């Protein structure tokens, strides 16, 4: 049986009640997303609460984080993880469907690593083939909601399968959200990227494209991955 929790330097994430366990995608999203100057942060599809807690650790002391989760069991466990953390006063877990979520506040930073995007399209044109878990939230639904909730100068960062990155950028661009930063995650030397992180803004500018190699060999992490995650992992 796998370990029911994952211990980080400043907090612990229990994940035995969640379909989505602690994984590399979430850790990279939590470590790579810019939170500079952010006071209102939204995490869509928080699962265990991992990304929300990671952002709480390095955001400003007065930053407030709302973490949305549609699955009742996962939302309950995320709340427990938050309560056990040093940031229980700053992180609010809300059990809701993102498509029904409304807020009078606009968010400076929005992030998403939701389970609906674990299975990718076989090709970017087969949009209907996306795994549509959790009440069928599509890329279009996600980006439409983000447009309603993101501050004019805010940033939205999402982790998606690399083979749909072009299509997601097309959908976003049609909504006047533009890719400004992109990270291709490569898990082994000579490998191809299967996960891509993209940061979007309402302000069009040249997109900065980066690569991150996570491992040089099995359990031998690259210097850049260690540098990115050392504030979180116990063994970094």
Protein backbone atom coordinates (compact mmCIF):
# COMPACT_ATOMS: atom_id res chain seq x y z
CA UNK A 1 0.00 0.00 0.00
CA UNK A 2 1.32 3.45 -0.89
CA UNK A 3 2.07 5.97 1.82
CA UNK A 4 -1.14 7.84 2.79
CA UNK A 5 0.73 11.14 3.15
CA UNK A 6 3.64 13.08 1.67
CA UNK A 7 5.88 15.08 3.98
CA UNK A 8 7.27 18.41 2.77
CA UNK A 9 9.61 20.72 4.66
CA UNK A 10 6.91 22.99 6.08
CA UNK A 11 3.70 20.98 5.70
CA UNK A 12 2.27 17.49 5.20
CA UNK A 13 -0.20 16.45 2.50
CA UNK A 14 -2.46 13.48 3.24
CA UNK A 15 -3.84 12.06 0.00
CA UNK A 16 -5.46 8.71 0.79
CA UNK A 17 -8.96 10.15 0.21
CA UNK A 18 -8.06 11.76 -3.12
CA UNK A 19 -8.03 10.25 -6.60
CA UNK A 20 -5.17 12.57 -7.50
CA UNK A 21 -2.17 11.84 -5.30
CA UNK A 22 0.80 14.15 -4.74
CA UNK A 23 2.73 14.13 -8.00
CA UNK A 24 5.39 15.91 -9.99
CA UNK A 25 2.91 17.94 -12.06
CA UNK A 26 1.46 19.62 -8.99
CA UNK A 27 4.83 20.20 -7.37
CA UNK A 28 6.23 21.87 -10.49
CA UNK A 29 3.09 24.00 -10.86
CA UNK A 30 3.30 25.10 -7.23
CA UNK A 31 7.01 25.89 -7.46
CA UNK A 32 7.07 27.51 -10.94
CA UNK A 33 3.98 29.74 -10.80
CA UNK A 34 4.78 33.38 -10.14
CA UNK A 35 3.02 34.86 -7.10
CA UNK A 36 4.95 38.13 -6.99
CA UNK A 37 2.72 40.89 -5.66
CA UNK A 38 -0.34 38.61 -5.50
CA UNK A 39 -2.89 39.17 -2.74
CA UNK A 40 -5.78 37.14 -4.14
CA UNK A 41 -4.99 33.63 -5.46
CA UNK A 42 -7.36 30.98 -6.84
CA UNK A 43 -6.53 27.27 -7.20
CA UNK A 44 -8.97 25.44 -9.50
CA UNK A 45 -9.23 21.70 -8.82
CA UNK A 46 -7.08 21.74 -5.70
CA UNK A 47 -7.37 18.00 -4.96
CA UNK A 48 -5.25 17.45 -1.86
CA UNK A 49 -4.59 21.19 -1.47
CA UNK A 50 -0.95 20.69 -2.48
CA UNK A 51 -0.61 23.63 -4.88
CA UNK A 52 -2.57 25.98 -2.63
CA UNK A 53 -0.24 25.17 0.27
CA UNK A 54 2.87 25.54 -1.87
CA UNK A 55 1.71 28.98 -3.01
CA UNK A 56 0.83 29.93 0.57
CA UNK A 57 4.38 29.07 1.62
CA UNK A 58 6.01 31.58 -0.72
CA UNK A 59 3.37 34.25 -1.31
CA UNK A 60 3.07 37.46 0.70
CA UNK A 61 1.98 37.07 4.34
CA UNK A 62 -1.35 38.81 3.63
CA UNK A 63 -2.16 36.85 0.46
CA UNK A 64 -5.49 35.00 0.55
CA UNK A 65 -5.94 31.71 -1.34
CA UNK A 66 -9.21 30.14 -2.40
CA UNK A 67 -8.93 26.45 -3.34
CA UNK A 68 -11.85 24.95 -5.31
CA UNK A 69 -12.59 21.23 -5.43
CA UNK A 70 -15.63 19.48 -6.90
CA UNK A 71 -15.06 16.09 -5.22
CA UNK A 72 -16.44 16.05 -1.68
CA UNK A 73 -13.92 13.59 -0.24
CA UNK A 74 -10.96 15.43 -1.75
CA UNK A 75 -12.29 18.79 -0.55
CA UNK A 76 -12.62 17.39 2.96
CA UNK A 77 -9.07 16.08 2.94
CA UNK A 78 -7.75 19.34 1.50
CA UNK A 79 -9.40 21.20 4.38
CA UNK A 80 -7.72 18.86 6.87
CA UNK A 81 -4.34 19.42 5.19
CA UNK A 82 -4.85 23.19 5.37
CA UNK A 83 -5.87 23.08 9.05
CA UNK A 84 -2.69 21.16 9.89
CA UNK A 85 -0.53 23.66 7.97
CA UNK A 86 0.95 27.00 9.11
CA UNK A 87 -1.42 28.86 6.73
CA UNK A 88 -4.86 27.76 7.95
CA UNK A 89 -5.97 31.42 8.26
CA UNK A 90 -5.01 32.24 4.67
CA UNK A 91 -6.33 29.26 2.66
CA UNK A 92 -10.03 28.59 2.16
CA UNK A 93 -11.12 25.28 0.59
CA UNK A 94 -14.48 25.49 -1.22
CA UNK A 95 -16.37 22.37 -2.28
CA UNK A 96 -17.97 23.46 -5.56
CA UNK A 97 -18.13 23.04 -9.31
CA UNK A 98 -15.90 25.66 -10.91
CA UNK A 99 -18.55 26.39 -13.54
CA UNK A 100 -20.91 27.47 -10.75
CA UNK A 101 -18.35 29.44 -8.73
CA UNK A 102 -18.86 33.19 -8.46
CA UNK A 103 -16.73 35.77 -6.70
CA UNK A 104 -16.96 39.51 -6.23
CA UNK A 105 -13.17 39.55 -6.03
CA UNK A 106 -10.84 39.36 -9.00
CA UNK A 107 -7.76 37.19 -8.60
CA UNK A 108 -4.16 38.28 -9.18
CA UNK A 109 -3.06 34.68 -9.74
CA UNK A 110 -5.11 31.68 -10.86
CA UNK A 111 -3.65 28.18 -11.14
CA UNK A 112 -5.04 24.83 -12.21
CA UNK A 113 -3.85 21.23 -12.16
CA UNK A 114 -7.23 19.52 -12.33
CA UNK A 115 -7.82 15.79 -12.84
CA UNK A 116 -9.85 16.36 -15.98
CA UNK A 117 -6.66 17.03 -17.91
CA UNK A 118 -4.67 13.93 -16.95
CA UNK A 119 -5.68 12.08 -20.11
CA UNK A 120 -4.71 14.06 -23.19
CA UNK A 121 -6.23 14.23 -26.64
CA UNK A 122 -4.82 11.76 -29.16
CA UNK A 123 -4.31 14.78 -31.38
CA UNK A 124 -5.11 18.48 -30.88
CA UNK A 125 -8.06 18.36 -33.30
CA UNK A 126 -9.94 15.63 -31.44
CA UNK A 127 -11.22 17.96 -28.76
CA UNK A 128 -14.24 15.80 -27.95
CA UNK A 129 -11.92 12.94 -26.96
CA UNK A 130 -10.70 14.76 -23.84
CA UNK A 131 -11.31 12.90 -20.59
CA UNK A 132 -14.17 14.94 -19.17
CA UNK A 133 -14.29 14.00 -15.52
CA UNK A 134 -15.87 16.12 -12.80
CA UNK A 135 -19.00 17.36 -14.56
CA UNK A 136 -17.38 17.79 -17.98
CA UNK A 137 -15.16 20.81 -17.46
CA UNK A 138 -13.55 21.41 -20.85
CA UNK A 139 -10.64 23.66 -21.77
CA UNK A 140 -13.16 26.15 -23.12
CA UNK A 141 -15.12 26.08 -19.83
CA UNK A 142 -11.94 26.52 -17.83
CA UNK A 143 -10.66 29.47 -19.85
CA UNK A 144 -14.08 31.12 -19.96
CA UNK A 145 -14.28 30.99 -16.18
CA UNK A 146 -10.74 32.24 -15.77
CA UNK A 147 -11.53 35.27 -17.96
CA UNK A 148 -14.37 36.17 -15.61
CA UNK A 149 -12.28 35.85 -12.45
CA UNK A 150 -8.80 37.06 -13.43
CA UNK A 151 -7.74 40.63 -12.63
CA UNK A 152 -6.83 42.81 -15.61
CA UNK A 153 -3.13 42.49 -14.77
CA UNK A 154 -3.43 38.96 -13.37
CA UNK A 155 -1.75 35.73 -14.48
CA UNK A 156 -3.25 32.29 -15.06
CA UNK A 157 -0.99 29.21 -15.02
CA UNK A 158 -2.09 25.71 -15.98
CA UNK A 159 -0.38 22.35 -16.42
CA UNK A 160 -1.62 20.35 -19.43
CA UNK A 161 -0.54 17.49 -21.68
CA UNK A 162 2.04 18.83 -24.15
CA UNK A 163 0.15 17.53 -27.17
CA UNK A 164 -2.76 19.90 -26.55
CA UNK A 165 -0.72 23.02 -25.72
CA UNK A 166 -1.21 24.53 -29.18
CA UNK A 167 -4.96 24.00 -29.07
CA UNK A 168 -5.27 25.45 -25.56
CA UNK A 169 -3.35 28.54 -26.63
CA UNK A 170 -5.70 28.96 -29.59
CA UNK A 171 -8.76 28.78 -27.34
CA UNK A 172 -7.19 31.22 -24.90
CA UNK A 173 -6.19 33.67 -27.62
CA UNK A 174 -9.78 33.76 -28.89
CA UNK A 175 -10.73 34.94 -25.40
CA UNK A 176 -7.90 37.51 -25.39
CA UNK A 177 -5.75 35.52 -23.03
CA UNK A 178 -2.19 35.25 -24.32
CA UNK A 179 0.64 32.87 -23.46
CA UNK A 180 3.51 34.82 -21.92
CA UNK A 181 5.54 32.00 -20.37
CA UNK A 182 5.78 28.30 -21.20
CA UNK A 183 7.66 25.41 -19.59
CA UNK A 184 8.24 22.06 -21.29
CA UNK A 185 8.82 19.36 -18.67
CA UNK A 186 11.14 16.53 -19.72
CA UNK A 187 11.53 13.56 -17.39
CA UNK A 188 14.72 12.02 -18.77
CA UNK A 189 17.65 13.03 -20.98
CA UNK A 190 16.71 12.78 -24.65
CA UNK A 191 13.03 12.44 -23.79
CA UNK A 192 10.15 14.48 -25.16
CA UNK A 193 7.92 16.75 -23.15
CA UNK A 194 4.65 15.17 -22.06
CA UNK A 195 3.61 17.97 -19.71
CA UNK A 196 3.62 21.68 -20.41
CA UNK A 197 2.97 24.59 -18.07
CA UNK A 198 1.66 27.80 -19.62
CA UNK A 199 1.14 31.21 -18.02
CA UNK A 200 -1.49 33.43 -19.65
CA UNK A 201 -2.09 37.17 -19.42
CA UNK A 202 -4.58 39.62 -20.89
CA UNK A 203 -1.55 41.56 -22.17
CA UNK A 204 -0.04 40.15 -25.36
CA UNK A 205 3.76 39.91 -25.34
CA UNK A 206 6.49 37.59 -26.53
CA UNK A 207 6.16 34.19 -24.87
CA UNK A 208 9.25 33.08 -22.94
CA UNK A 209 9.75 29.35 -23.57
CA UNK A 210 11.76 27.24 -21.12
CA UNK A 211 12.62 23.58 -20.59
CA UNK A 212 12.94 21.67 -17.34
CA UNK A 213 14.70 18.31 -17.17
CA UNK A 214 13.60 16.65 -13.94
CA UNK A 215 15.87 13.58 -13.73
CA UNK A 216 19.31 12.66 -15.07
CA UNK A 217 18.63 9.02 -14.14
CA UNK A 218 16.17 7.18 -11.91
CA UNK A 219 15.91 9.20 -8.66
CA UNK A 220 18.90 11.31 -9.71
CA UNK A 221 17.41 14.78 -9.99
CA UNK A 222 18.78 17.51 -12.20
CA UNK A 223 20.29 20.65 -10.71
CA UNK A 224 17.51 22.81 -12.16
CA UNK A 225 14.80 20.61 -10.65
CA UNK A 226 16.54 20.67 -7.28
CA UNK A 227 16.83 24.46 -7.46
CA UNK A 228 13.13 24.78 -8.31
CA UNK A 229 11.84 22.50 -5.54
CA UNK A 230 14.42 22.69 -2.72
CA UNK A 231 12.18 24.92 -0.58
CA UNK A 232 9.62 22.10 -0.47
CA UNK A 233 11.15 18.62 -0.74
CA UNK A 234 12.77 17.22 2.39
CA UNK A 235 15.61 15.58 0.46
CA UNK A 236 16.57 18.50 -1.78
